[in-house]
Amino acid sequence: MEKFHGALVAIVTPFIDGKLDEQGLVDLIEFQIENGTHGIIPCGTTGESATTNFDEHKRVIDLTVKTVAGRIPVIAGTGANNTLEALELTESAKESGADAVLSVVPYYNKPDQEGMYLHFKTIAEKVDIPMFLYNVPGRTVVSIDPVTVGRLAQLDNIIGIKEATGSLAQFSEVIANCPDDFIVLSGDDFTSMPSVMIGGKGVISVISNVYPLGMAQMMERALAGDIPGARELHYKMYDMMKLMFSTPSPGPAKKALELMGRIQDGSTRLPIAPMADGAVEKLKEGMVKLGLL
């Protein structure tokens, strides 16, 4: 399997008493590698990048790179709605030795397509590191147009996109507008298996936090053309995919990891509130069904 393909985990950032749990992060990375995950994405949305400060953000990426030690790729989340901040985080990720970066469409500002183009172009030209764009309009409000993605795909350092609209039509348009070697990854667990059928190369996954082996096997089967085998795993995991977003993410993923004994503290930073008791019980039921508890 080629680099930057398959099941890549958008890994959670564990905290203890509100502070970064470094040993917890190291243990989670080892758990992922032992269970076949094809890549690690620190400081993505699931890693609570929006509520980590710059020092924490850089430390998580640095520690991830050192722990992985070249065994699988590390794609560091370095996006921001301020181009200068995104540049600083991208430069830091390069210094840490990340294999690539993941840069989200600027949120809150509501830039137009030219603003998005210039934002990503500026970063790609100033920092020599492979970059994945990240389109997630459910969080950013604005969406990058497939034609704009096609323009950006002509730049040397922009090698792919995490497409998280949940739309296979959008996914198809992106592929149609980009070169054959442009890497389009699903940003949704639900669409990861079917996206391979139309040219996708993998997924940046949330459920991989708790069930890395299943997600890795599903993507390997899909990419190898074993559609019945991939479909079987898709439906096996489908209920848990939904449960990962039963309350605001990454709350369910972190609570599940706590229940599994993989991290000490499954809490999230505000404004993501703790899961209600009823939601936790439903999560437990799903985990038992999948054999995680």
Protein backbone atom coordinates (compact mmCIF):
# COMPACT_ATOMS: atom_id res chain seq x y z
CA MET A 1 0.00 0.00 0.00
CA GLU A 2 1.30 3.42 -0.95
CA LYS A 3 2.11 6.17 1.55
CA PHE A 4 -0.90 8.25 2.67
CA HIS A 5 -3.41 5.53 1.81
CA GLY A 6 -5.74 3.37 3.89
CA ALA A 7 -7.05 4.05 7.39
CA LEU A 8 -5.40 7.05 9.02
CA VAL A 9 -6.55 7.94 12.52
CA ALA A 10 -7.49 11.47 13.57
CA ILE A 11 -6.08 10.73 17.00
CA VAL A 12 -7.55 12.22 20.17
CA THR A 13 -5.44 14.36 22.50
CA PRO A 14 -5.66 12.90 26.03
CA PHE A 15 -5.66 15.23 29.02
CA ILE A 16 -5.30 14.68 32.76
CA ASP A 17 -6.68 17.45 34.97
CA GLY A 18 -6.92 19.61 31.87
CA LYS A 19 -3.24 19.20 30.91
CA LEU A 20 -1.69 17.20 28.10
CA ASP A 21 -1.23 13.54 29.08
CA GLU A 22 2.01 12.81 27.23
CA GLN A 23 2.31 9.17 28.30
CA GLY A 24 -1.33 8.65 27.40
CA LEU A 25 -0.66 9.96 23.90
CA VAL A 26 2.39 7.73 23.49
CA ASP A 27 0.35 4.70 24.59
CA LEU A 28 -2.45 5.54 22.13
CA ILE A 29 0.03 5.81 19.26
CA GLU A 30 1.50 2.41 20.11
CA PHE A 31 -2.02 0.95 20.28
CA GLN A 32 -2.71 2.32 16.81
CA ILE A 33 0.47 0.99 15.25
CA GLU A 34 0.04 -2.44 16.86
CA ASN A 35 -3.45 -2.65 15.31
CA GLY A 36 -2.50 -1.83 11.76
CA THR A 37 -3.40 1.83 11.39
CA HIS A 38 -1.81 3.25 8.25
CA GLY A 39 -1.11 6.78 9.50
CA ILE A 40 -1.52 9.19 12.43
CA ILE A 41 -3.06 12.66 12.29
CA PRO A 42 -2.32 14.65 15.47
CA CYS A 43 -4.03 17.98 16.14
CA GLY A 44 -6.95 17.50 13.81
CA THR A 45 -10.52 18.33 14.77
CA THR A 46 -10.73 15.08 16.77
CA GLY A 47 -7.49 16.08 18.52
CA GLU A 48 -9.22 19.24 19.83
CA SER A 49 -6.89 21.54 17.93
CA ALA A 50 -9.37 24.39 18.42
CA THR A 51 -8.79 24.33 22.19
CA THR A 52 -5.07 23.59 22.39
CA ASN A 53 -2.68 26.51 22.63
CA PHE A 54 0.31 26.92 20.34
CA ASP A 55 2.78 25.33 22.75
CA GLU A 56 0.53 22.31 23.31
CA HIS A 57 -0.19 22.01 19.59
CA LYS A 58 3.49 21.96 18.69
CA ARG A 59 4.31 19.54 21.52
CA VAL A 60 1.64 17.05 20.46
CA ILE A 61 3.00 17.01 16.91
CA ASP A 62 6.61 16.77 18.04
CA LEU A 63 5.85 13.94 20.47
CA THR A 64 3.81 12.10 17.85
CA VAL A 65 6.62 12.25 15.29
CA LYS A 66 9.19 11.08 17.85
CA THR A 67 6.98 8.22 19.04
CA VAL A 68 6.03 7.01 15.58
CA ALA A 69 9.71 7.15 14.59
CA GLY A 70 9.05 6.62 10.90
CA ARG A 71 7.01 3.44 11.24
CA ILE A 72 3.93 4.96 9.58
CA PRO A 73 3.25 8.44 8.15
CA VAL A 74 2.38 11.40 10.38
CA ILE A 75 0.15 14.09 8.86
CA ALA A 76 0.13 17.00 11.30
CA GLY A 77 -2.93 19.21 11.64
CA THR A 78 -1.68 22.77 11.14
CA GLY A 79 -4.71 24.65 9.90
CA ALA A 80 -5.98 27.99 11.17
CA ASN A 81 -8.29 30.78 10.07
CA ASN A 82 -5.34 33.17 10.24
CA THR A 83 -2.84 32.51 7.43
CA LEU A 84 0.10 33.71 9.55
CA GLU A 85 -0.83 31.30 12.35
CA ALA A 86 -1.23 28.44 9.89
CA LEU A 87 2.22 29.27 8.52
CA GLU A 88 3.77 29.17 11.98
CA LEU A 89 2.19 25.81 12.81
CA THR A 90 3.18 24.39 9.42
CA GLU A 91 6.79 25.53 9.84
CA SER A 92 6.87 23.96 13.30
CA ALA A 93 5.49 20.66 11.98
CA LYS A 94 8.17 20.57 9.32
CA GLU A 95 10.86 21.19 11.95
CA SER A 96 9.42 18.32 14.01
CA GLY A 97 9.76 16.00 11.02
CA ALA A 98 6.11 15.41 10.08
CA ASP A 99 5.63 13.65 6.75
CA ALA A 100 2.87 16.04 5.67
CA VAL A 101 0.39 18.57 7.05
CA LEU A 102 -3.39 18.84 7.03
CA SER A 103 -4.68 22.38 6.57
CA VAL A 104 -8.34 23.17 7.11
CA VAL A 105 -10.40 25.65 5.10
CA PRO A 106 -10.32 28.90 7.13
CA TYR A 107 -13.31 28.99 9.47
CA TYR A 108 -15.31 31.97 10.79
CA ASN A 109 -13.82 34.50 8.32
CA LYS A 110 -15.98 33.14 5.45
CA PRO A 111 -13.42 33.73 2.68
CA ASP A 112 -14.44 33.44 -0.95
CA GLN A 113 -12.83 30.94 -3.34
CA GLU A 114 -9.98 33.32 -4.21
CA GLY A 115 -9.28 33.92 -0.54
CA MET A 116 -9.07 30.18 0.08
CA TYR A 117 -6.82 29.74 -2.94
CA LEU A 118 -4.43 32.47 -1.80
CA HIS A 119 -4.44 31.16 1.80
CA PHE A 120 -3.32 27.67 0.80
CA LYS A 121 -1.02 28.92 -1.98
CA THR A 122 0.81 31.15 0.50
CA ILE A 123 1.44 28.28 2.91
CA ALA A 124 2.44 25.84 0.16
CA GLU A 125 4.94 28.28 -1.33
CA LYS A 126 6.49 29.33 1.99
CA VAL A 127 6.85 25.90 3.65
CA ASP A 128 8.29 23.00 1.68
CA ILE A 129 6.24 20.11 3.05
CA PRO A 130 3.49 18.01 1.45
CA MET A 131 0.06 19.43 2.24
CA PHE A 132 -3.44 17.99 2.37
CA LEU A 133 -6.31 20.44 2.16
CA TYR A 134 -9.20 19.80 4.56
CA ASN A 135 -12.75 20.59 3.49
CA VAL A 136 -15.29 20.32 6.30
CA PRO A 137 -18.06 22.89 5.72
CA GLY A 138 -20.09 21.53 8.63
CA ARG A 139 -17.50 23.19 10.85
CA THR A 140 -16.05 25.96 8.67
CA VAL A 141 -19.35 27.23 7.13
CA VAL A 142 -17.67 27.76 3.75
CA SER A 143 -16.71 24.94 1.36
CA ILE A 144 -13.83 24.85 -1.08
CA ASP A 145 -15.09 24.35 -4.61
CA PRO A 146 -13.75 21.35 -6.59
CA VAL A 147 -12.55 23.78 -9.27
CA THR A 148 -10.50 25.64 -6.63
CA VAL A 149 -9.12 22.32 -5.40
CA GLY A 150 -8.10 21.62 -8.99
CA ARG A 151 -6.23 24.93 -9.17
CA LEU A 152 -4.44 24.20 -5.90
CA ALA A 153 -3.59 20.67 -7.02
CA GLN A 154 -1.31 22.22 -9.65
CA LEU A 155 0.99 23.54 -6.91
CA ASP A 156 3.96 21.33 -6.08
CA ASN A 157 3.39 20.82 -2.36
CA ILE A 158 -0.39 20.32 -2.38
CA ILE A 159 -0.78 16.56 -2.81
CA GLY A 160 -4.29 15.76 -1.60
CA ILE A 161 -7.43 16.64 0.29
CA LYS A 162 -9.48 15.34 3.18
CA GLU A 163 -13.00 15.68 1.77
CA ALA A 164 -15.44 15.73 4.68
CA THR A 165 -18.69 16.91 3.16
CA GLY A 166 -20.17 13.41 3.36
CA SER A 167 -21.13 13.83 -0.29
CA LEU A 168 -19.96 11.32 -2.87
CA ALA A 169 -21.02 13.82 -5.55
CA GLN A 170 -18.58 16.40 -4.14
CA PHE A 171 -15.95 13.66 -3.84
CA SER A 172 -16.45 12.77 -7.51
CA GLU A 173 -16.18 16.40 -8.61
CA VAL A 174 -12.90 16.80 -6.73
CA ILE A 175 -11.41 13.72 -8.39
CA ALA A 176 -12.64 14.87 -11.80
CA ASN A 177 -10.95 18.27 -11.38
CA CYS A 178 -7.59 17.01 -10.12
CA PRO A 179 -4.59 15.11 -11.54
CA ASP A 180 -4.59 11.31 -11.31
CA ASP A 181 -1.94 11.31 -8.56
CA PHE A 182 -3.87 13.72 -6.31
CA ILE A 183 -4.81 11.85 -3.13
CA VAL A 184 -8.46 12.21 -2.11
CA LEU A 185 -9.22 10.89 1.37
CA SER A 186 -12.64 10.55 2.94
CA GLY A 187 -13.18 12.70 6.00
CA ASP A 188 -16.17 10.64 7.12
CA ASP A 189 -16.15 7.07 8.40
CA PHE A 190 -19.55 6.49 6.74
CA THR A 191 -18.30 7.27 3.23
CA SER A 192 -14.83 5.76 3.50
CA MET A 193 -15.60 2.35 2.00
CA PRO A 194 -17.84 3.56 -0.87
CA SER A 195 -15.46 6.43 -1.64
CA VAL A 196 -12.82 3.90 -2.71
CA MET A 197 -15.17 2.74 -5.45
CA ILE A 198 -15.01 6.17 -7.10
CA GLY A 199 -11.28 6.75 -6.68
CA GLY A 200 -10.68 7.55 -3.03
CA LYS A 201 -7.44 6.35 -1.47
CA GLY A 202 -8.40 6.12 2.20
CA VAL A 203 -9.95 7.82 5.20
CA ILE A 204 -8.98 10.07 8.06
CA SER A 205 -11.04 8.29 10.66
CA VAL A 206 -12.61 8.87 14.08
CA ILE A 207 -13.73 5.28 14.76
CA SER A 208 -10.11 4.18 14.26
CA ASN A 209 -9.43 5.66 17.70
CA VAL A 210 -11.36 2.81 19.31
CA TYR A 211 -11.36 0.09 16.62
CA PRO A 212 -8.21 0.60 14.54
CA LEU A 213 -7.91 -3.01 13.40
CA GLY A 214 -11.41 -3.15 11.92
CA MET A 215 -11.05 0.13 10.06
CA ALA A 216 -7.60 -0.80 8.73
CA GLN A 217 -8.87 -4.16 7.50
CA MET A 218 -11.91 -2.59 5.86
CA MET A 219 -9.83 -0.10 3.92
CA GLU A 220 -7.27 -2.72 2.93
CA ARG A 221 -10.06 -4.91 1.58
CA ALA A 222 -11.71 -2.03 -0.26
CA LEU A 223 -8.45 -0.89 -1.85
CA ALA A 224 -7.66 -4.49 -2.87
CA GLY A 225 -11.05 -4.82 -4.57
CA ASP A 226 -12.56 -7.17 -1.97
CA ILE A 227 -15.90 -5.39 -1.96
CA PRO A 228 -17.93 -8.08 -0.12
CA GLY A 229 -15.31 -8.25 2.63
CA ALA A 230 -15.11 -4.47 2.95
CA ARG A 231 -18.90 -4.14 2.96
CA GLU A 232 -19.18 -6.72 5.75
CA LEU A 233 -16.86 -4.68 7.96
CA HIS A 234 -18.60 -1.42 7.01
CA TYR A 235 -21.90 -2.69 8.39
CA LYS A 236 -20.23 -4.32 11.38
CA MET A 237 -18.87 -0.90 12.39
CA TYR A 238 -21.75 1.25 11.14
CA ASP A 239 -23.56 1.65 14.47
CA MET A 240 -20.31 2.61 16.21
CA MET A 241 -19.56 5.10 13.45
CA LYS A 242 -22.84 6.80 14.33
CA LEU A 243 -22.16 6.61 18.07
CA MET A 244 -18.85 8.44 17.58
CA PHE A 245 -21.01 11.49 16.75
CA SER A 246 -23.93 10.86 19.11
CA THR A 247 -22.69 13.88 21.06
CA PRO A 248 -20.16 16.47 19.86
CA SER A 249 -16.92 14.82 18.76
CA PRO A 250 -14.47 13.84 20.18
CA GLY A 251 -16.51 13.28 23.35
CA PRO A 252 -17.67 9.74 22.50
CA ALA A 253 -14.26 8.61 21.20
CA LYS A 254 -12.51 9.82 24.34
CA LYS A 255 -15.11 8.34 26.67
CA ALA A 256 -14.87 5.00 24.83
CA LEU A 257 -11.08 5.00 25.18
CA GLU A 258 -11.47 5.69 28.89
CA LEU A 259 -13.95 2.82 29.23
CA MET A 260 -11.48 0.57 27.38
CA GLY A 261 -8.72 1.56 29.79
CA ARG A 262 -6.69 3.12 26.99
CA ILE A 263 -6.59 6.58 28.59
CA GLN A 264 -7.04 7.64 32.21
CA ASP A 265 -9.31 10.61 31.58
CA GLY A 266 -11.84 10.83 28.74
CA SER A 267 -12.75 14.44 29.34
CA THR A 268 -12.85 17.09 26.61
CA ARG A 269 -12.12 20.77 26.90
CA LEU A 270 -14.96 23.26 26.97
CA PRO A 271 -17.02 24.21 25.07
CA ILE A 272 -17.41 20.46 24.41
CA ALA A 273 -19.47 19.35 27.42
CA PRO A 274 -19.19 15.97 29.17
CA MET A 275 -21.44 13.24 27.77
CA ALA A 276 -24.76 12.80 29.56
CA ASP A 277 -25.30 9.51 31.41
CA GLY A 278 -27.86 8.27 28.91
CA ALA A 279 -25.50 8.86 26.00
CA VAL A 280 -22.71 7.02 27.83
CA GLU A 281 -25.00 4.02 28.37
CA LYS A 282 -25.84 3.88 24.66
CA LEU A 283 -22.15 4.12 23.86
CA LYS A 284 -21.41 1.21 26.21
CA GLU A 285 -24.10 -0.89 24.53
CA GLY A 286 -22.53 -0.25 21.14
CA MET A 287 -19.08 -1.07 22.44
CA VAL A 288 -20.28 -4.38 23.86
CA LYS A 289 -21.92 -5.21 20.52
CA LEU A 290 -18.64 -4.55 18.70
CA GLY A 291 -16.59 -6.47 21.26
CA LEU A 292 -14.77 -3.45 22.63
CA LEU A 293 -16.02 -4.05 26.18
